[in-house]
Amino acid sequence: MSEKISKVSLSSSTVKNRGWVVVFAGLGINLALGVLYTWSVVSKGIPDVWGWSEAAKSLPYSVACLVFSLVMVPAGRMQDRIGPRTVASIGGLLVGIGLLTASQTTTTLGFIFGFGLLAGAGIGFGYASATPPAVKWFSSARTGLIAGIVVSGFGLASVYVAPLVKALIRAYGLSATMMILGVGFLIIVIGFAQFLQPPPRGYIPAGTPPVPTHKNAAKMEYTPKEMLKTWQFYALWFMYACGAGAGLMIISKLAKIAEIQSGVSLGFVLVAILAVGNGAGRIVAGILSDRIGRKTTLFICFVLQALIIFLLSQAEAGNILGSSLVLGIFSALIGANYGANLALFPSITKDYYGMRNFGVNYGLVFTSWGLGGFTLSLFAGQVYDKTQTFTFAYYCSVVLLIAAALMALYIKPVQQKL
């Protein structure tokens, strides 16, 4: 009884709760790092005189996705050990340097190095540091909501960045645009990083249920090595790769998709609409999963995403599916279902494997996001170069989403005994 009283005292009397400050700082960081999702607008703004093929235009984005996800593992471990403030500041510095580097080149290799490697790594450092300190301030009953709010910034970023990038390219050209973004986002990310503060060790959020102590209780905290020995990790990895890959494929090519399938020239508007869905989907899915469960929410999102992408494959100029209104609806729904992954998978990782090693554990799960995005985005560009259509890539992503939906029905919490 005395132990329980001391924990309550630690959370409500001795420690000033900075949870919401950290949540909105993480949101602000992600609103800057979401520049990644504007690549379809940047790609469309690459001058013809540079001589890039459609597959080449996919490479910087695909590499950025892959590097982003791989860096999440060491970045997650670093933020667990030295704190999110320093790691997020490193991320802001790398993003700024990467975009500035891209501003000095016109070659595919130069953009791969600047945007893909440096900015991609910076996004990984910043993103890995935003969610863990925020969810640690709140009870498990609010994990989905808090994770959804923090990561919604990454999805919502395109609402303002996409039209901003288009306007800057039109006024100053692509190179100057990358320079402006580099300076701006370096300052913004490092500034918000100073507000990232995890709770002190031993902090127990209000509303936290008591830890079960009976002999058949499931293990609550997993090291990365222990997590990798569970089949649930590989199931989560596969589902995340499918859900993220399908969404990132559309995001990377949305402006081009609108142009070739419907004749709509407002690709940047669809990018902004998708961003609204992306951000809102993260919050809605997080709240919904707190109420009906992560598995059910994942299943709904995978099935709905498969249906929408199949319908998108049938869109063309002259039919109702190719109209501006329907494409706008498709963009919002694809964004929402994709964004749901970014709220659900950190939440389910915390549910299954605990909070102590959450940064590195989620980093390992998140590698699937990068591999899925890298593979399907690059695949879509190659399919288009050979067929002048994205149809086959759509069908492949639909099959993967259905497989992920079926797996979501069977996954269950880890049942290792103490």
Protein backbone atom coordinates (compact mmCIF):
# COMPACT_ATOMS: atom_id res chain seq x y z
CA MET A 1 0.00 0.00 0.00
CA SER A 2 2.83 2.37 0.87
CA GLU A 3 4.46 1.67 -2.53
CA LYS A 4 1.25 2.61 -4.31
CA ILE A 5 0.99 5.86 -2.36
CA SER A 6 4.58 6.81 -3.20
CA LYS A 7 3.98 6.24 -6.92
CA VAL A 8 0.88 8.43 -6.88
CA SER A 9 2.84 11.09 -5.00
CA LEU A 10 5.60 10.95 -7.63
CA SER A 11 3.17 11.53 -10.47
CA SER A 12 0.83 14.11 -9.01
CA SER A 13 2.73 16.05 -6.35
CA THR A 14 6.47 15.92 -6.89
CA VAL A 15 6.62 16.01 -10.69
CA LYS A 16 5.25 18.82 -12.81
CA ASN A 17 3.43 17.19 -15.70
CA ARG A 18 4.88 18.50 -18.96
CA GLY A 19 3.06 15.95 -21.08
CA TRP A 20 1.12 18.31 -23.33
CA VAL A 21 4.13 20.58 -23.86
CA VAL A 22 6.10 17.56 -25.08
CA VAL A 23 3.17 16.39 -27.24
CA PHE A 24 2.95 19.71 -29.07
CA ALA A 25 6.73 20.02 -29.40
CA GLY A 26 6.75 16.59 -31.05
CA LEU A 27 3.86 17.69 -33.25
CA GLY A 28 5.82 20.78 -34.31
CA ILE A 29 8.91 18.73 -35.16
CA ASN A 30 6.85 16.37 -37.30
CA LEU A 31 5.16 19.28 -39.08
CA ALA A 32 8.65 20.17 -40.35
CA LEU A 33 9.93 16.66 -41.01
CA GLY A 34 6.84 15.89 -43.12
CA VAL A 35 8.61 17.65 -46.01
CA LEU A 36 9.27 14.05 -47.10
CA TYR A 37 5.64 13.73 -48.22
CA THR A 38 5.92 16.64 -50.66
CA TRP A 39 8.30 14.72 -52.89
CA SER A 40 5.70 14.22 -55.63
CA VAL A 41 5.50 18.03 -55.96
CA VAL A 42 9.31 18.36 -55.88
CA SER A 43 9.62 15.52 -58.40
CA LYS A 44 7.17 17.17 -60.78
CA GLY A 45 9.16 20.42 -60.47
CA ILE A 46 12.41 18.84 -61.67
CA PRO A 47 13.23 20.61 -64.97
CA ASP A 48 13.14 18.49 -68.13
CA VAL A 49 16.61 19.76 -69.04
CA TRP A 50 18.00 17.78 -66.11
CA GLY A 51 17.14 14.61 -68.07
CA TRP A 52 15.72 12.51 -65.22
CA SER A 53 13.57 9.44 -66.01
CA GLU A 54 10.47 8.66 -63.92
CA ALA A 55 12.37 5.87 -62.16
CA ALA A 56 15.24 8.27 -61.40
CA LYS A 57 12.76 10.73 -59.90
CA SER A 58 11.70 7.98 -57.48
CA LEU A 59 15.21 7.30 -56.20
CA PRO A 60 15.87 10.22 -53.79
CA TYR A 61 12.49 9.70 -52.14
CA SER A 62 12.87 5.92 -52.01
CA VAL A 63 16.35 6.19 -50.51
CA ALA A 64 15.10 8.78 -47.99
CA CYS A 65 12.35 6.39 -46.87
CA LEU A 66 14.82 3.53 -46.50
CA VAL A 67 17.46 5.57 -44.66
CA PHE A 68 14.79 7.16 -42.45
CA SER A 69 13.60 3.75 -41.30
CA LEU A 70 17.07 2.27 -40.79
CA VAL A 71 18.26 5.26 -38.78
CA MET A 72 15.25 4.85 -36.49
CA VAL A 73 17.00 1.88 -34.82
CA PRO A 74 20.18 3.66 -33.61
CA ALA A 75 18.22 6.90 -33.11
CA GLY A 76 15.67 5.08 -30.96
CA ARG A 77 18.45 3.56 -28.86
CA MET A 78 20.15 6.95 -28.53
CA GLN A 79 16.98 8.71 -27.38
CA ASP A 80 16.37 5.93 -24.85
CA ARG A 81 19.88 6.50 -23.43
CA ILE A 82 20.84 10.17 -23.86
CA GLY A 83 17.40 11.74 -24.21
CA PRO A 84 15.23 13.00 -27.07
CA ARG A 85 16.37 16.63 -27.00
CA THR A 86 19.90 15.97 -28.25
CA VAL A 87 18.84 13.34 -30.78
CA ALA A 88 16.10 15.53 -32.27
CA SER A 89 18.57 18.43 -32.55
CA ILE A 90 20.93 16.17 -34.52
CA GLY A 91 17.98 15.37 -36.76
CA GLY A 92 17.22 19.03 -37.44
CA LEU A 93 20.86 19.69 -38.30
CA LEU A 94 21.01 16.77 -40.75
CA VAL A 95 17.73 17.70 -42.45
CA GLY A 96 18.95 21.26 -42.96
CA ILE A 97 22.35 20.21 -44.31
CA GLY A 98 20.73 17.59 -46.55
CA LEU A 99 18.31 20.02 -48.20
CA LEU A 100 21.06 22.60 -48.59
CA THR A 101 23.24 19.96 -50.25
CA ALA A 102 20.43 19.07 -52.66
CA SER A 103 20.09 22.76 -53.55
CA GLN A 104 23.63 22.73 -54.96
CA THR A 105 23.15 19.93 -57.51
CA THR A 106 21.07 18.96 -60.53
CA THR A 107 22.02 15.29 -60.65
CA THR A 108 20.14 12.25 -59.40
CA LEU A 109 23.19 11.19 -57.37
CA GLY A 110 23.41 14.61 -55.72
CA PHE A 111 19.76 14.49 -54.66
CA ILE A 112 20.15 10.91 -53.45
CA PHE A 113 23.00 12.06 -51.20
CA GLY A 114 21.39 15.30 -50.00
CA PHE A 115 17.69 14.48 -49.83
CA GLY A 116 17.95 10.70 -49.61
CA LEU A 117 20.87 10.06 -47.26
CA LEU A 118 21.36 13.23 -45.19
CA ALA A 119 17.79 14.52 -44.95
CA GLY A 120 16.47 10.95 -44.68
CA ALA A 121 18.79 10.32 -41.72
CA GLY A 122 17.80 13.61 -40.13
CA ILE A 123 14.13 12.76 -40.42
CA GLY A 124 14.86 9.44 -38.70
CA PHE A 125 16.63 11.12 -35.77
CA GLY A 126 13.88 13.69 -35.33
CA TYR A 127 10.95 11.31 -35.75
CA ALA A 128 12.44 8.73 -33.37
CA SER A 129 12.63 11.37 -30.64
CA ALA A 130 9.14 12.85 -30.90
CA THR A 131 6.73 10.06 -29.85
CA PRO A 132 8.52 8.15 -27.00
CA PRO A 133 8.81 11.07 -24.54
CA ALA A 134 5.22 12.10 -25.23
CA VAL A 135 3.56 8.72 -24.59
CA LYS A 136 5.61 8.23 -21.40
CA TRP A 137 3.72 11.11 -19.75
CA PHE A 138 0.31 9.42 -20.23
CA SER A 139 -1.38 6.18 -19.19
CA SER A 140 -1.74 3.22 -21.57
CA ALA A 141 -5.44 4.06 -22.03
CA ARG A 142 -4.36 7.17 -23.99
CA THR A 143 -1.43 5.71 -25.95
CA GLY A 144 -3.32 5.67 -29.26
CA LEU A 145 -4.55 9.24 -28.85
CA ILE A 146 -1.16 10.69 -27.87
CA ALA A 147 0.78 8.79 -30.54
CA GLY A 148 -1.83 9.85 -33.09
CA ILE A 149 -1.54 13.53 -32.21
CA VAL A 150 2.27 13.56 -32.29
CA VAL A 151 2.63 11.73 -35.60
CA SER A 152 -0.28 13.63 -37.20
CA GLY A 153 2.12 16.51 -37.78
CA PHE A 154 4.17 14.42 -40.17
CA GLY A 155 1.10 13.72 -42.27
CA LEU A 156 -0.38 17.22 -42.06
CA ALA A 157 2.86 18.88 -43.14
CA SER A 158 1.98 18.66 -46.82
CA VAL A 159 -1.09 20.84 -46.25
CA TYR A 160 1.18 23.86 -46.08
CA VAL A 161 4.46 22.54 -47.52
CA ALA A 162 3.01 21.29 -50.84
CA PRO A 163 1.55 24.65 -51.95
CA LEU A 164 4.55 26.43 -50.45
CA VAL A 165 6.97 24.28 -52.46
CA LYS A 166 4.96 24.75 -55.64
CA ALA A 167 4.90 28.54 -55.16
CA LEU A 168 8.61 28.70 -54.36
CA ILE A 169 9.56 26.56 -57.37
CA ARG A 170 7.46 28.78 -59.62
CA ALA A 171 9.03 31.96 -58.21
CA TYR A 172 12.65 30.95 -57.62
CA GLY A 173 13.27 27.52 -59.15
CA LEU A 174 13.86 24.15 -57.51
CA SER A 175 17.42 24.75 -56.28
CA ALA A 176 16.56 27.95 -54.40
CA THR A 177 13.46 26.23 -52.98
CA MET A 178 15.55 23.45 -51.47
CA MET A 179 17.86 26.04 -49.92
CA ILE A 180 14.98 27.96 -48.33
CA LEU A 181 13.47 24.76 -46.93
CA GLY A 182 16.84 23.65 -45.59
CA VAL A 183 17.43 26.81 -43.57
CA GLY A 184 13.84 27.01 -42.34
CA PHE A 185 13.45 23.43 -41.19
CA LEU A 186 16.87 23.36 -39.53
CA ILE A 187 15.80 26.25 -37.27
CA ILE A 188 12.31 24.89 -36.61
CA VAL A 189 13.31 21.33 -35.68
CA ILE A 190 16.19 22.34 -33.42
CA GLY A 191 13.95 24.94 -31.75
CA PHE A 192 11.13 22.51 -30.92
CA ALA A 193 13.64 19.86 -29.86
CA GLN A 194 14.49 21.91 -26.78
CA PHE A 195 11.03 21.22 -25.35
CA LEU A 196 11.30 17.42 -25.54
CA GLN A 197 11.59 16.11 -21.99
CA PRO A 198 10.70 12.60 -20.80
CA PRO A 199 9.30 12.09 -17.29
CA PRO A 200 11.76 11.16 -14.51
CA ARG A 201 12.58 7.51 -13.95
CA GLY A 202 9.87 5.78 -11.94
CA TYR A 203 7.13 8.19 -12.97
CA ILE A 204 3.70 6.55 -12.97
CA PRO A 205 1.06 8.39 -15.05
CA ALA A 206 -2.35 8.90 -13.47
CA GLY A 207 -4.75 6.14 -14.48
CA THR A 208 -2.05 3.50 -14.98
CA PRO A 209 -3.43 0.05 -14.04
CA PRO A 210 -1.47 -1.95 -11.45
CA VAL A 211 1.18 -4.32 -12.81
CA PRO A 212 0.02 -7.96 -12.46
CA THR A 213 2.18 -10.04 -10.17
CA HIS A 214 0.67 -13.54 -10.39
CA LYS A 215 2.88 -16.27 -11.77
CA ASN A 216 1.08 -16.54 -15.13
CA ALA A 217 1.28 -12.84 -15.91
CA ALA A 218 2.74 -11.92 -19.29
CA LYS A 219 6.16 -10.30 -19.40
CA MET A 220 5.72 -6.51 -19.50
CA GLU A 221 9.11 -5.24 -20.75
CA TYR A 222 11.15 -6.71 -23.62
CA THR A 223 14.68 -5.99 -24.73
CA PRO A 224 15.25 -5.81 -28.51
CA LYS A 225 16.85 -9.26 -28.42
CA GLU A 226 13.83 -10.73 -26.62
CA MET A 227 11.43 -9.03 -29.01
CA LEU A 228 13.21 -10.48 -32.04
CA LYS A 229 12.58 -13.98 -30.68
CA THR A 230 8.78 -13.54 -30.84
CA TRP A 231 6.79 -14.35 -33.98
CA GLN A 232 4.61 -11.31 -33.36
CA PHE A 233 7.49 -9.01 -34.27
CA TYR A 234 7.74 -10.52 -37.76
CA ALA A 235 3.97 -10.41 -38.22
CA LEU A 236 3.93 -6.72 -37.25
CA TRP A 237 6.90 -6.08 -39.54
CA PHE A 238 5.15 -7.66 -42.53
CA MET A 239 1.86 -5.86 -41.95
CA TYR A 240 3.59 -2.51 -41.52
CA ALA A 241 5.61 -3.00 -44.72
CA CYS A 242 2.43 -3.71 -46.69
CA GLY A 243 0.37 -0.86 -45.25
CA ALA A 244 3.15 1.72 -45.40
CA GLY A 245 4.48 0.62 -48.78
CA ALA A 246 1.09 0.93 -50.48
CA GLY A 247 0.51 4.39 -49.04
CA LEU A 248 4.01 5.69 -49.77
CA MET A 249 3.78 4.43 -53.35
CA ILE A 250 0.71 6.61 -53.94
CA ILE A 251 2.16 9.58 -52.05
CA SER A 252 5.35 9.55 -54.12
CA LYS A 253 3.46 9.53 -57.44
CA LEU A 254 0.19 11.32 -56.68
CA ALA A 255 0.85 14.39 -58.83
CA LYS A 256 1.83 12.15 -61.76
CA ILE A 257 -1.15 9.83 -61.16
CA ALA A 258 -3.56 12.76 -61.33
CA GLU A 259 -1.96 14.03 -64.52
CA ILE A 260 -1.94 10.78 -66.52
CA GLN A 261 -5.16 9.15 -65.27
CA SER A 262 -7.54 12.08 -65.21
CA GLY A 263 -5.87 15.05 -66.82
CA VAL A 264 -6.09 16.96 -63.53
CA SER A 265 -3.23 19.45 -63.25
CA LEU A 266 -3.74 20.28 -59.57
CA GLY A 267 -1.54 17.51 -58.25
CA PHE A 268 -0.31 19.70 -55.38
CA VAL A 269 -3.95 20.18 -54.27
CA LEU A 270 -4.42 16.41 -54.10
CA VAL A 271 -1.17 16.16 -52.14
CA ALA A 272 -2.57 18.67 -49.63
CA ILE A 273 -5.90 16.80 -49.46
CA LEU A 274 -4.04 13.53 -48.89
CA ALA A 275 -2.06 15.25 -46.14
CA VAL A 276 -5.25 16.27 -44.33
CA GLY A 277 -6.44 12.67 -44.48
CA ASN A 278 -2.99 11.47 -43.43
CA GLY A 279 -2.94 13.65 -40.33
CA ALA A 280 -6.58 13.13 -39.38
CA GLY A 281 -6.33 9.37 -39.95
CA ARG A 282 -3.55 9.11 -37.36
CA ILE A 283 -5.62 10.80 -34.67
CA VAL A 284 -8.88 9.01 -35.51
CA ALA A 285 -7.20 5.60 -35.74
CA GLY A 286 -5.39 6.21 -32.46
CA ILE A 287 -8.62 7.09 -30.64
CA LEU A 288 -10.54 4.24 -32.30
CA SER A 289 -7.86 1.69 -31.40
CA ASP A 290 -8.02 2.76 -27.75
CA ARG A 291 -11.72 1.84 -27.85
CA ILE A 292 -12.15 -1.15 -30.17
CA GLY A 293 -8.59 -2.52 -30.15
CA ARG A 294 -5.53 -2.26 -32.41
CA LYS A 295 -6.24 -5.50 -34.34
CA THR A 296 -9.75 -4.53 -35.39
CA THR A 297 -8.67 -1.05 -36.40
CA LEU A 298 -5.76 -2.42 -38.45
CA PHE A 299 -8.04 -4.88 -40.25
CA ILE A 300 -10.52 -2.14 -41.17
CA CYS A 301 -7.77 0.15 -42.47
CA PHE A 302 -6.07 -2.54 -44.58
CA VAL A 303 -9.33 -3.67 -46.22
CA LEU A 304 -10.49 -0.12 -46.92
CA GLN A 305 -7.09 0.83 -48.37
CA ALA A 306 -7.13 -2.18 -50.69
CA LEU A 307 -10.60 -1.22 -51.94
CA ILE A 308 -9.69 2.43 -52.56
CA ILE A 309 -6.46 1.61 -54.43
CA PHE A 310 -8.33 -0.89 -56.59
CA LEU A 311 -10.90 1.79 -57.45
CA LEU A 312 -8.07 4.25 -58.17
CA SER A 313 -6.65 1.77 -60.68
CA GLN A 314 -9.90 2.11 -62.65
CA ALA A 315 -9.85 5.91 -62.71
CA GLU A 316 -9.35 7.65 -66.04
CA ALA A 317 -10.40 10.81 -67.82
CA GLY A 318 -14.03 10.58 -68.85
CA ASN A 319 -15.33 8.30 -66.09
CA ILE A 320 -16.60 9.31 -62.68
CA LEU A 321 -13.63 7.73 -60.89
CA GLY A 322 -11.32 10.10 -62.74
CA SER A 323 -13.20 13.27 -61.77
CA SER A 324 -11.51 15.86 -59.57
CA LEU A 325 -14.05 15.34 -56.78
CA VAL A 326 -13.62 11.55 -56.64
CA LEU A 327 -9.83 11.78 -56.87
CA GLY A 328 -9.93 14.20 -53.96
CA ILE A 329 -11.98 11.72 -51.92
CA PHE A 330 -9.62 8.89 -52.88
CA SER A 331 -6.61 11.01 -51.87
CA ALA A 332 -8.09 11.80 -48.45
CA LEU A 333 -9.02 8.16 -47.76
CA ILE A 334 -5.67 6.79 -48.94
CA GLY A 335 -3.96 9.34 -46.72
CA ALA A 336 -6.14 8.43 -43.73
CA ASN A 337 -5.62 4.68 -44.05
CA TYR A 338 -1.91 5.11 -44.60
CA GLY A 339 -1.61 7.54 -41.68
CA ALA A 340 -3.40 5.10 -39.40
CA ASN A 341 -0.36 2.81 -39.63
CA LEU A 342 1.83 5.50 -38.08
CA ALA A 343 -0.41 5.70 -35.00
CA LEU A 344 -1.31 2.03 -34.67
CA PHE A 345 2.10 0.37 -34.96
CA PRO A 346 3.89 2.44 -32.30
CA SER A 347 0.88 1.84 -30.02
CA ILE A 348 0.83 -1.92 -30.58
CA THR A 349 4.62 -2.09 -30.16
CA LYS A 350 4.25 -0.42 -26.77
CA ASP A 351 1.33 -2.72 -25.88
CA TYR A 352 3.23 -5.91 -26.75
CA TYR A 353 6.81 -5.05 -25.73
CA GLY A 354 6.62 -2.32 -23.09
CA MET A 355 7.91 1.22 -22.66
CA ARG A 356 11.44 0.76 -21.28
CA ASN A 357 13.04 -0.02 -24.68
CA PHE A 358 10.29 1.51 -26.79
CA GLY A 359 12.60 3.74 -28.83
CA VAL A 360 14.81 0.98 -30.19
CA ASN A 361 12.02 -1.63 -30.31
CA TYR A 362 9.80 0.59 -32.41
CA GLY A 363 12.83 1.52 -34.50
CA LEU A 364 13.24 -2.15 -35.41
CA VAL A 365 9.55 -2.46 -36.28
CA PHE A 366 9.77 0.77 -38.28
CA THR A 367 12.43 -0.63 -40.63
CA SER A 368 9.48 -2.26 -42.41
CA TRP A 369 8.10 1.19 -43.22
CA GLY A 370 11.30 2.08 -45.03
CA LEU A 371 11.67 -1.17 -46.91
CA GLY A 372 8.01 -1.14 -47.93
CA GLY A 373 8.19 2.48 -49.09
CA PHE A 374 11.51 2.01 -50.88
CA THR A 375 10.40 -1.13 -52.70
CA LEU A 376 6.91 -0.12 -53.83
CA SER A 377 7.80 3.49 -54.69
CA LEU A 378 10.71 2.40 -56.85
CA PHE A 379 8.64 -0.45 -58.29
CA ALA A 380 5.87 1.97 -59.31
CA GLY A 381 8.35 4.18 -61.17
CA GLN A 382 9.83 1.19 -63.00
CA VAL A 383 6.36 -0.10 -63.92
CA TYR A 384 5.45 3.28 -65.36
CA ASP A 385 8.65 3.57 -67.40
CA LYS A 386 7.87 0.20 -69.01
CA THR A 387 4.08 0.41 -69.40
CA GLN A 388 3.25 4.13 -69.14
CA THR A 389 0.73 3.23 -66.44
CA PHE A 390 0.75 2.38 -62.72
CA THR A 391 -1.97 -0.30 -62.98
CA PHE A 392 0.19 -3.35 -62.28
CA ALA A 393 1.75 -1.63 -59.25
CA TYR A 394 -1.76 -0.90 -57.93
CA TYR A 395 -2.77 -4.57 -58.21
CA CYS A 396 0.38 -5.74 -56.41
CA SER A 397 -0.26 -3.36 -53.52
CA VAL A 398 -3.88 -4.54 -53.25
CA VAL A 399 -2.73 -8.16 -52.89
CA LEU A 400 -0.24 -7.18 -50.17
CA LEU A 401 -2.90 -5.21 -48.27
CA ILE A 402 -5.30 -8.16 -48.30
CA ALA A 403 -2.53 -10.41 -46.96
CA ALA A 404 -1.85 -7.90 -44.18
CA ALA A 405 -5.57 -7.73 -43.32
CA LEU A 406 -5.73 -11.51 -42.95
CA MET A 407 -2.66 -11.50 -40.73
CA ALA A 408 -4.24 -8.80 -38.54
CA LEU A 409 -7.01 -11.27 -37.72
CA TYR A 410 -4.57 -13.79 -36.26
CA ILE A 411 -1.97 -11.73 -34.43
CA LYS A 412 -2.22 -11.76 -30.63
CA PRO A 413 -0.25 -10.34 -27.68
CA VAL A 414 2.96 -12.02 -26.61
CA GLN A 415 2.25 -14.60 -23.94
CA GLN A 416 5.72 -15.26 -22.51
CA LYS A 417 5.56 -16.18 -18.82
CA LEU A 418 7.49 -14.43 -16.10
